[in-house]
C-alpha atoms as a PDB file:
ATOM      1  CA  UNK A   1     -52.182  35.937 -76.240  1.00  0.00           C
ATOM      2  CA  UNK A   2     -50.633  34.899 -79.583  1.00  0.00           C
ATOM      3  CA  UNK A   3     -52.907  35.992 -82.131  1.00  0.00           C
ATOM      4  CA  UNK A   4     -52.446  32.219 -84.321  1.00  0.00           C
ATOM      5  CA  UNK A   5     -53.490  30.828 -81.157  1.00  0.00           C
ATOM      6  CA  UNK A   6     -57.338  32.083 -79.915  1.00  0.00           C
ATOM      7  CA  UNK A   7     -57.853  30.396 -76.334  1.00  0.00           C
ATOM      8  CA  UNK A   8     -54.589  30.612 -75.683  1.00  0.00           C
ATOM      9  CA  UNK A   9     -52.703  33.335 -72.623  1.00  0.00           C
ATOM     10  CA  UNK A  10     -48.353  32.994 -71.928  1.00  0.00           C
ATOM     11  CA  UNK A  11     -47.476  34.207 -68.863  1.00  0.00           C
ATOM     12  CA  UNK A  12     -44.143  34.271 -67.143  1.00  0.00           C
ATOM     13  CA  UNK A  13     -43.066  35.934 -63.775  1.00  0.00           C
ATOM     14  CA  UNK A  14     -40.157  36.762 -61.643  1.00  0.00           C
ATOM     15  CA  UNK A  15     -39.934  37.650 -57.967  1.00  0.00           C
ATOM     16  CA  UNK A  16     -37.671  38.595 -54.996  1.00  0.00           C
ATOM     17  CA  UNK A  17     -39.066  36.534 -52.128  1.00  0.00           C
ATOM     18  CA  UNK A  18     -38.106  38.264 -48.626  1.00  0.00           C
ATOM     19  CA  UNK A  19     -34.821  39.458 -50.428  1.00  0.00           C
ATOM     20  CA  UNK A  20     -33.122  36.269 -50.432  1.00  0.00           C
ATOM     21  CA  UNK A  21     -34.840  34.437 -53.126  1.00  0.00           C
ATOM     22  CA  UNK A  22     -36.310  34.094 -56.333  1.00  0.00           C
ATOM     23  CA  UNK A  23     -39.225  32.583 -57.574  1.00  0.00           C
ATOM     24  CA  UNK A  24     -39.670  31.519 -61.277  1.00  0.00           C
ATOM     25  CA  UNK A  25     -43.055  30.617 -62.999  1.00  0.00           C
ATOM     26  CA  UNK A  26     -43.783  29.955 -66.451  1.00  0.00           C
ATOM     27  CA  UNK A  27     -47.398  29.414 -67.312  1.00  0.00           C
ATOM     28  CA  UNK A  28     -49.823  28.640 -70.026  1.00  0.00           C
ATOM     29  CA  UNK A  29     -54.032  28.598 -69.739  1.00  0.00           C
ATOM     30  CA  UNK A  30     -55.964  27.279 -72.225  1.00  0.00           C
ATOM     31  CA  UNK A  31     -59.707  28.397 -72.397  1.00  0.00           C
ATOM     32  CA  UNK A  32     -62.459  29.364 -74.824  1.00  0.00           C
ATOM     33  CA  UNK A  33     -63.425  31.921 -72.022  1.00  0.00           C
ATOM     34  CA  UNK A  34     -61.756  35.121 -72.839  1.00  0.00           C
ATOM     35  CA  UNK A  35     -62.516  36.356 -69.537  1.00  0.00           C
ATOM     36  CA  UNK A  36     -59.713  34.592 -67.639  1.00  0.00           C
ATOM     37  CA  UNK A  37     -56.928  35.339 -69.182  1.00  0.00           C
ATOM     38  CA  UNK A  38     -56.257  36.671 -65.631  1.00  0.00           C
ATOM     39  CA  UNK A  39     -55.485  33.344 -64.406  1.00  0.00           C
ATOM     40  CA  UNK A  40     -51.886  32.882 -64.646  1.00  0.00           C
ATOM     41  CA  UNK A  41     -51.561  36.697 -62.822  1.00  0.00           C
ATOM     42  CA  UNK A  42     -53.370  34.965 -59.958  1.00  0.00           C
ATOM     43  CA  UNK A  43     -52.301  31.567 -59.930  1.00  0.00           C
ATOM     44  CA  UNK A  44     -48.294  33.294 -59.700  1.00  0.00           C
ATOM     45  CA  UNK A  45     -49.839  36.182 -56.718  1.00  0.00           C
ATOM     46  CA  UNK A  46     -51.188  33.428 -54.892  1.00  0.00           C
ATOM     47  CA  UNK A  47     -47.781  31.522 -54.469  1.00  0.00           C
ATOM     48  CA  UNK A  48     -46.024  34.684 -54.304  1.00  0.00           C
ATOM     49  CA  UNK A  49     -48.131  35.691 -51.236  1.00  0.00           C
ATOM     50  CA  UNK A  50     -47.824  32.690 -49.705  1.00  0.00           C
ATOM     51  CA  UNK A  51     -43.964  31.761 -49.811  1.00  0.00           C
ATOM     52  CA  UNK A  52     -43.989  35.758 -48.110  1.00  0.00           C
ATOM     53  CA  UNK A  53     -46.509  35.239 -45.382  1.00  0.00           C
ATOM     54  CA  UNK A  54     -45.254  34.295 -42.200  1.00  0.00           C
ATOM     55  CA  UNK A  55     -41.717  36.558 -42.547  1.00  0.00           C
ATOM     56  CA  UNK A  56     -40.357  34.503 -39.890  1.00  0.00           C
ATOM     57  CA  UNK A  57     -40.153  31.200 -41.473  1.00  0.00           C
ATOM     58  CA  UNK A  58     -37.086  31.179 -44.268  1.00  0.00           C
ATOM     59  CA  UNK A  59     -38.671  30.472 -47.554  1.00  0.00           C
ATOM     60  CA  UNK A  60     -36.277  27.999 -48.792  1.00  0.00           C
ATOM     61  CA  UNK A  61     -37.857  25.320 -46.406  1.00  0.00           C
ATOM     62  CA  UNK A  62     -39.756  22.730 -48.421  1.00  0.00           C
ATOM     63  CA  UNK A  63     -42.510  22.819 -45.700  1.00  0.00           C
ATOM     64  CA  UNK A  64     -43.466  25.708 -46.608  1.00  0.00           C
ATOM     65  CA  UNK A  65     -42.737  25.797 -50.721  1.00  0.00           C
ATOM     66  CA  UNK A  66     -45.500  22.624 -50.477  1.00  0.00           C
ATOM     67  CA  UNK A  67     -48.200  24.466 -48.155  1.00  0.00           C
ATOM     68  CA  UNK A  68     -48.292  27.258 -51.087  1.00  0.00           C
ATOM     69  CA  UNK A  69     -48.355  24.774 -53.859  1.00  0.00           C
ATOM     70  CA  UNK A  70     -50.982  22.595 -52.160  1.00  0.00           C
ATOM     71  CA  UNK A  71     -53.269  25.673 -51.721  1.00  0.00           C
ATOM     72  CA  UNK A  72     -52.511  26.894 -55.009  1.00  0.00           C
ATOM     73  CA  UNK A  73     -53.988  23.255 -56.252  1.00  0.00           C
ATOM     74  CA  UNK A  74     -57.151  24.157 -53.708  1.00  0.00           C
ATOM     75  CA  UNK A  75     -57.410  27.349 -55.747  1.00  0.00           C
ATOM     76  CA  UNK A  76     -56.712  25.996 -59.352  1.00  0.00           C
ATOM     77  CA  UNK A  77     -59.239  22.957 -58.435  1.00  0.00           C
ATOM     78  CA  UNK A  78     -62.077  25.714 -57.306  1.00  0.00           C
ATOM     79  CA  UNK A  79     -61.808  27.101 -60.714  1.00  0.00           C
ATOM     80  CA  UNK A  80     -62.215  23.770 -62.749  1.00  0.00           C
ATOM     81  CA  UNK A  81     -65.176  23.202 -61.271  1.00  0.00           C
ATOM     82  CA  UNK A  82     -66.539  26.588 -62.913  1.00  0.00           C
ATOM     83  CA  UNK A  83     -64.583  25.535 -65.984  1.00  0.00           C
ATOM     84  CA  UNK A  84     -64.370  22.629 -67.039  1.00  0.00           C
ATOM     85  CA  UNK A  85     -62.811  23.122 -70.533  1.00  0.00           C
ATOM     86  CA  UNK A  86     -59.782  25.170 -68.796  1.00  0.00           C
ATOM     87  CA  UNK A  87     -56.140  23.459 -68.764  1.00  0.00           C
ATOM     88  CA  UNK A  88     -53.041  24.518 -67.206  1.00  0.00           C
ATOM     89  CA  UNK A  89     -49.332  24.055 -67.684  1.00  0.00           C
ATOM     90  CA  UNK A  90     -47.822  25.819 -65.063  1.00  0.00           C
ATOM     91  CA  UNK A  91     -43.969  24.997 -63.872  1.00  0.00           C
ATOM     92  CA  UNK A  92     -42.424  26.958 -60.641  1.00  0.00           C
ATOM     93  CA  UNK A  93     -38.890  27.317 -59.500  1.00  0.00           C
ATOM     94  CA  UNK A  94     -37.671  28.372 -56.538  1.00  0.00           C
ATOM     95  CA  UNK A  95     -33.869  29.416 -55.613  1.00  0.00           C
ATOM     96  CA  UNK A  96     -32.457  30.172 -52.698  1.00  0.00           C
ATOM     97  CA  UNK A  97     -28.556  29.923 -51.411  1.00  0.00           C
ATOM     98  CA  UNK A  98     -27.670  27.210 -53.819  1.00  0.00           C
ATOM     99  CA  UNK A  99     -30.898  25.145 -53.783  1.00  0.00           C
ATOM    100  CA  UNK A 100     -33.192  24.854 -56.164  1.00  0.00           C
ATOM    101  CA  UNK A 101     -36.796  23.645 -55.826  1.00  0.00           C
ATOM    102  CA  UNK A 102     -39.471  22.974 -58.613  1.00  0.00           C
ATOM    103  CA  UNK A 103     -43.022  21.766 -59.206  1.00  0.00           C
ATOM    104  CA  UNK A 104     -45.613  21.663 -62.068  1.00  0.00           C
ATOM    105  CA  UNK A 105     -48.344  20.711 -63.965  1.00  0.00           C
ATOM    106  CA  UNK A 106     -48.384  19.278 -67.467  1.00  0.00           C
ATOM    107  CA  UNK A 107     -46.152  20.087 -69.488  1.00  0.00           C
ATOM    108  CA  UNK A 108     -43.347  22.432 -68.129  1.00  0.00           C
ATOM    109  CA  UNK A 109     -39.511  22.059 -69.118  1.00  0.00           C
ATOM    110  CA  UNK A 110     -36.419  23.152 -67.335  1.00  0.00           C
ATOM    111  CA  UNK A 111     -33.722  22.442 -69.005  1.00  0.00           C
ATOM    112  CA  UNK A 112     -30.439  22.444 -67.144  1.00  0.00           C
ATOM    113  CA  UNK A 113     -26.913  23.588 -68.595  1.00  0.00           C
ATOM    114  CA  UNK A 114     -23.896  22.555 -66.259  1.00  0.00           C
ATOM    115  CA  UNK A 115     -20.202  21.847 -66.110  1.00  0.00           C
ATOM    116  CA  UNK A 116     -19.322  24.417 -69.730  1.00  0.00           C
ATOM    117  CA  UNK A 117     -22.783  22.585 -71.330  1.00  0.00           C
ATOM    118  CA  UNK A 118     -20.531  18.654 -71.363  1.00  0.00           C
ATOM    119  CA  UNK A 119     -23.777  17.616 -68.727  1.00  0.00           C
ATOM    120  CA  UNK A 120     -27.353  19.294 -70.229  1.00  0.00           C
ATOM    121  CA  UNK A 121     -30.791  17.666 -69.270  1.00  0.00           C
ATOM    122  CA  UNK A 122     -34.324  18.376 -68.869  1.00  0.00           C
ATOM    123  CA  UNK A 123     -34.674  18.298 -65.413  1.00  0.00           C
ATOM    124  CA  UNK A 124     -37.831  16.774 -65.115  1.00  0.00           C
ATOM    125  CA  UNK A 125     -37.468  13.751 -66.817  1.00  0.00           C
ATOM    126  CA  UNK A 126     -33.677  12.876 -65.493  1.00  0.00           C
ATOM    127  CA  UNK A 127     -34.040  12.841 -62.135  1.00  0.00           C
ATOM    128  CA  UNK A 128     -30.320  11.213 -61.178  1.00  0.00           C
ATOM    129  CA  UNK A 129     -29.322  15.060 -59.328  1.00  0.00           C
ATOM    130  CA  UNK A 130     -32.715  15.339 -57.750  1.00  0.00           C
ATOM    131  CA  UNK A 131     -34.989  13.095 -55.503  1.00  0.00           C
ATOM    132  CA  UNK A 132     -37.890  11.267 -57.269  1.00  0.00           C
ATOM    133  CA  UNK A 133     -41.557  13.171 -57.920  1.00  0.00           C
ATOM    134  CA  UNK A 134     -45.014  12.004 -59.001  1.00  0.00           C
ATOM    135  CA  UNK A 135     -46.311  14.036 -61.485  1.00  0.00           C
ATOM    136  CA  UNK A 136     -50.159  15.290 -62.266  1.00  0.00           C
ATOM    137  CA  UNK A 137     -51.605  17.135 -65.182  1.00  0.00           C
ATOM    138  CA  UNK A 138     -54.420  18.512 -63.071  1.00  0.00           C
ATOM    139  CA  UNK A 139     -52.320  19.918 -60.007  1.00  0.00           C
ATOM    140  CA  UNK A 140     -48.759  20.567 -58.974  1.00  0.00           C
ATOM    141  CA  UNK A 141     -46.261  17.499 -58.927  1.00  0.00           C
ATOM    142  CA  UNK A 142     -44.805  16.578 -55.134  1.00  0.00           C
ATOM    143  CA  UNK A 143     -41.351  19.156 -55.341  1.00  0.00           C
ATOM    144  CA  UNK A 144     -38.154  18.044 -56.598  1.00  0.00           C
ATOM    145  CA  UNK A 145     -34.962  19.948 -54.951  1.00  0.00           C
ATOM    146  CA  UNK A 146     -30.943  20.143 -56.011  1.00  0.00           C
ATOM    147  CA  UNK A 147     -27.936  21.874 -55.720  1.00  0.00           C
ATOM    148  CA  UNK A 148     -27.436  25.156 -58.184  1.00  0.00           C
ATOM    149  CA  UNK A 149     -24.032  25.678 -59.270  1.00  0.00           C
ATOM    150  CA  UNK A 150     -22.111  28.778 -60.559  1.00  0.00           C
ATOM    151  CA  UNK A 151     -22.258  29.227 -64.109  1.00  0.00           C
ATOM    152  CA  UNK A 152     -25.406  26.974 -64.440  1.00  0.00           C
ATOM    153  CA  UNK A 153     -27.996  27.900 -67.334  1.00  0.00           C
ATOM    154  CA  UNK A 154     -31.195  26.765 -67.102  1.00  0.00           C
ATOM    155  CA  UNK A 155     -34.241  27.101 -69.824  1.00  0.00           C
ATOM    156  CA  UNK A 156     -37.588  27.094 -67.806  1.00  0.00           C
ATOM    157  CA  UNK A 157     -40.257  26.925 -70.528  1.00  0.00           C
ATOM    158  CA  UNK A 158     -43.712  25.917 -71.879  1.00  0.00           C
ATOM    159  CA  UNK A 159     -43.953  24.718 -75.370  1.00  0.00           C
ATOM    160  CA  UNK A 160     -47.523  24.979 -77.099  1.00  0.00           C
ATOM    161  CA  UNK A 161     -46.090  22.988 -79.609  1.00  0.00           C
ATOM    162  CA  UNK A 162     -44.254  19.823 -79.292  1.00  0.00           C
ATOM    163  CA  UNK A 163     -40.199  20.917 -79.835  1.00  0.00           C
ATOM    164  CA  UNK A 164     -39.765  17.480 -81.179  1.00  0.00           C
ATOM    165  CA  UNK A 165     -35.851  17.459 -82.717  1.00  0.00           C
ATOM    166  CA  UNK A 166     -35.389  21.149 -81.922  1.00  0.00           C
ATOM    167  CA  UNK A 167     -35.124  20.894 -78.532  1.00  0.00           C
ATOM    168  CA  UNK A 168     -31.696  19.313 -79.112  1.00  0.00           C
ATOM    169  CA  UNK A 169     -30.615  22.034 -80.880  1.00  0.00           C
ATOM    170  CA  UNK A 170     -31.859  24.555 -77.915  1.00  0.00           C
ATOM    171  CA  UNK A 171     -29.934  21.851 -75.544  1.00  0.00           C
ATOM    172  CA  UNK A 172     -27.022  22.564 -77.026  1.00  0.00           C
ATOM    173  CA  UNK A 173     -27.067  26.092 -77.444  1.00  0.00           C
ATOM    174  CA  UNK A 174     -27.998  26.810 -73.782  1.00  0.00           C
ATOM    175  CA  UNK A 175     -24.448  24.942 -72.627  1.00  0.00           C
ATOM    176  CA  UNK A 176     -22.142  27.203 -75.356  1.00  0.00           C
ATOM    177  CA  UNK A 177     -24.282  30.394 -75.674  1.00  0.00           C
ATOM    178  CA  UNK A 178     -24.641  32.966 -73.948  1.00  0.00           C
ATOM    179  CA  UNK A 179     -28.104  34.527 -72.804  1.00  0.00           C
ATOM    180  CA  UNK A 180     -27.920  37.444 -75.804  1.00  0.00           C
ATOM    181  CA  UNK A 181     -27.053  34.571 -78.409  1.00  0.00           C
ATOM    182  CA  UNK A 182     -28.921  31.804 -76.709  1.00  0.00           C
ATOM    183  CA  UNK A 183     -32.612  34.038 -77.433  1.00  0.00           C
ATOM    184  CA  UNK A 184     -31.851  34.879 -80.473  1.00  0.00           C
ATOM    185  CA  UNK A 185     -30.792  31.683 -81.697  1.00  0.00           C
ATOM    186  CA  UNK A 186     -33.682  29.657 -80.360  1.00  0.00           C
ATOM    187  CA  UNK A 187     -36.144  33.059 -81.993  1.00  0.00           C
ATOM    188  CA  UNK A 188     -34.737  31.497 -85.175  1.00  0.00           C
ATOM    189  CA  UNK A 189     -35.470  27.806 -84.095  1.00  0.00           C
ATOM    190  CA  UNK A 190     -38.895  28.080 -82.962  1.00  0.00           C
ATOM    191  CA  UNK A 191     -40.141  30.420 -85.509  1.00  0.00           C
ATOM    192  CA  UNK A 192     -43.796  31.501 -84.432  1.00  0.00           C
ATOM    193  CA  UNK A 193     -44.082  28.624 -82.321  1.00  0.00           C
ATOM    194  CA  UNK A 194     -45.647  30.837 -78.830  1.00  0.00           C
ATOM    195  CA  UNK A 195     -43.506  30.192 -75.666  1.00  0.00           C
ATOM    196  CA  UNK A 196     -43.753  30.820 -72.190  1.00  0.00           C
ATOM    197  CA  UNK A 197     -39.657  30.747 -71.132  1.00  0.00           C
ATOM    198  CA  UNK A 198     -37.843  32.315 -68.781  1.00  0.00           C
ATOM    199  CA  UNK A 199     -33.897  31.919 -69.355  1.00  0.00           C
ATOM    200  CA  UNK A 200     -31.707  31.550 -66.085  1.00  0.00           C
ATOM    201  CA  UNK A 201     -27.485  31.706 -65.131  1.00  0.00           C
ATOM    202  CA  UNK A 202     -26.520  31.288 -61.562  1.00  0.00           C
ATOM    203  CA  UNK A 203     -23.165  33.146 -60.965  1.00  0.00           C
ATOM    204  CA  UNK A 204     -21.415  33.022 -58.149  1.00  0.00           C
ATOM    205  CA  UNK A 205     -20.926  36.336 -56.202  1.00  0.00           C
ATOM    206  CA  UNK A 206     -17.335  37.328 -55.982  1.00  0.00           C
ATOM    207  CA  UNK A 207     -16.132  39.633 -53.644  1.00  0.00           C
ATOM    208  CA  UNK A 208     -12.816  41.644 -53.316  1.00  0.00           C
ATOM    209  CA  UNK A 209     -10.551  41.926 -50.598  1.00  0.00           C
ATOM    210  CA  UNK A 210      -8.002  44.589 -50.162  1.00  0.00           C
ATOM    211  CA  UNK A 211      -4.436  44.148 -50.699  1.00  0.00           C
ATOM    212  CA  UNK A 212      -2.963  47.781 -49.477  1.00  0.00           C
ATOM    213  CA  UNK A 213       0.189  47.094 -47.210  1.00  0.00           C
ATOM    214  CA  UNK A 214      -1.096  47.421 -43.311  1.00  0.00           C
ATOM    215  CA  UNK A 215       1.551  49.311 -41.235  1.00  0.00           C
ATOM    216  CA  UNK A 216       3.314  47.498 -38.558  1.00  0.00           C
ATOM    217  CA  UNK A 217       3.034  48.569 -35.005  1.00  0.00           C
ATOM    218  CA  UNK A 218       5.671  51.612 -34.631  1.00  0.00           C
ATOM    219  CA  UNK A 219       6.659  51.380 -38.131  1.00  0.00           C
ATOM    220  CA  UNK A 220       5.302  53.726 -41.152  1.00  0.00           C
ATOM    221  CA  UNK A 221       3.345  52.447 -43.388  1.00  0.00           C
ATOM    222  CA  UNK A 222       6.001  51.946 -46.315  1.00  0.00           C
ATOM    223  CA  UNK A 223       5.302  53.313 -49.533  1.00  0.00           C
ATOM    224  CA  UNK A 224       5.679  51.353 -52.820  1.00  0.00           C
END
């Protein structure tokens, strides 16, 4: 909780799901009740548990991800009934193999830099490479999904204030800077603006193929 923002709780979560997928969650909860600071962790652990249940089903299936978010919506709805002033901003991203699926409540953003930074966009606003989605500020949106590619860089975040012109600078840095430099620049640019955020970069796995000469049948292996 930022000291200058009483009642604001920021959390990020990163999980390995069944060893083959990655679940990323950014969250911001606003409430005058300090006892509700556990809510981000409750929501994140609930979604994780739902995705890991029934291990025989692959977690990359849209129906399983969708079911976990629907159950999370029921959980949130119950919390809101008891605490009407609480406000949620949550973003959820699931990466499995070459596919990313996302959903959000409120103002979560995912900036993506592709093709060396020549193509940079907010996934939730520019859906040309992703399927259409309807948003709701009280429950998780329908899921959007698309392909992730080698060297894609993503900045998944919830700003506690409007970034305005600073978002253009953040997008430019995302495309040209490595993670360490990007984070350094972001802190300088954002200043004291509290932000729940995760930086990600897709790196294609490479495997070295043995190049040692193989001896032919009946002939000794040649010495170099």
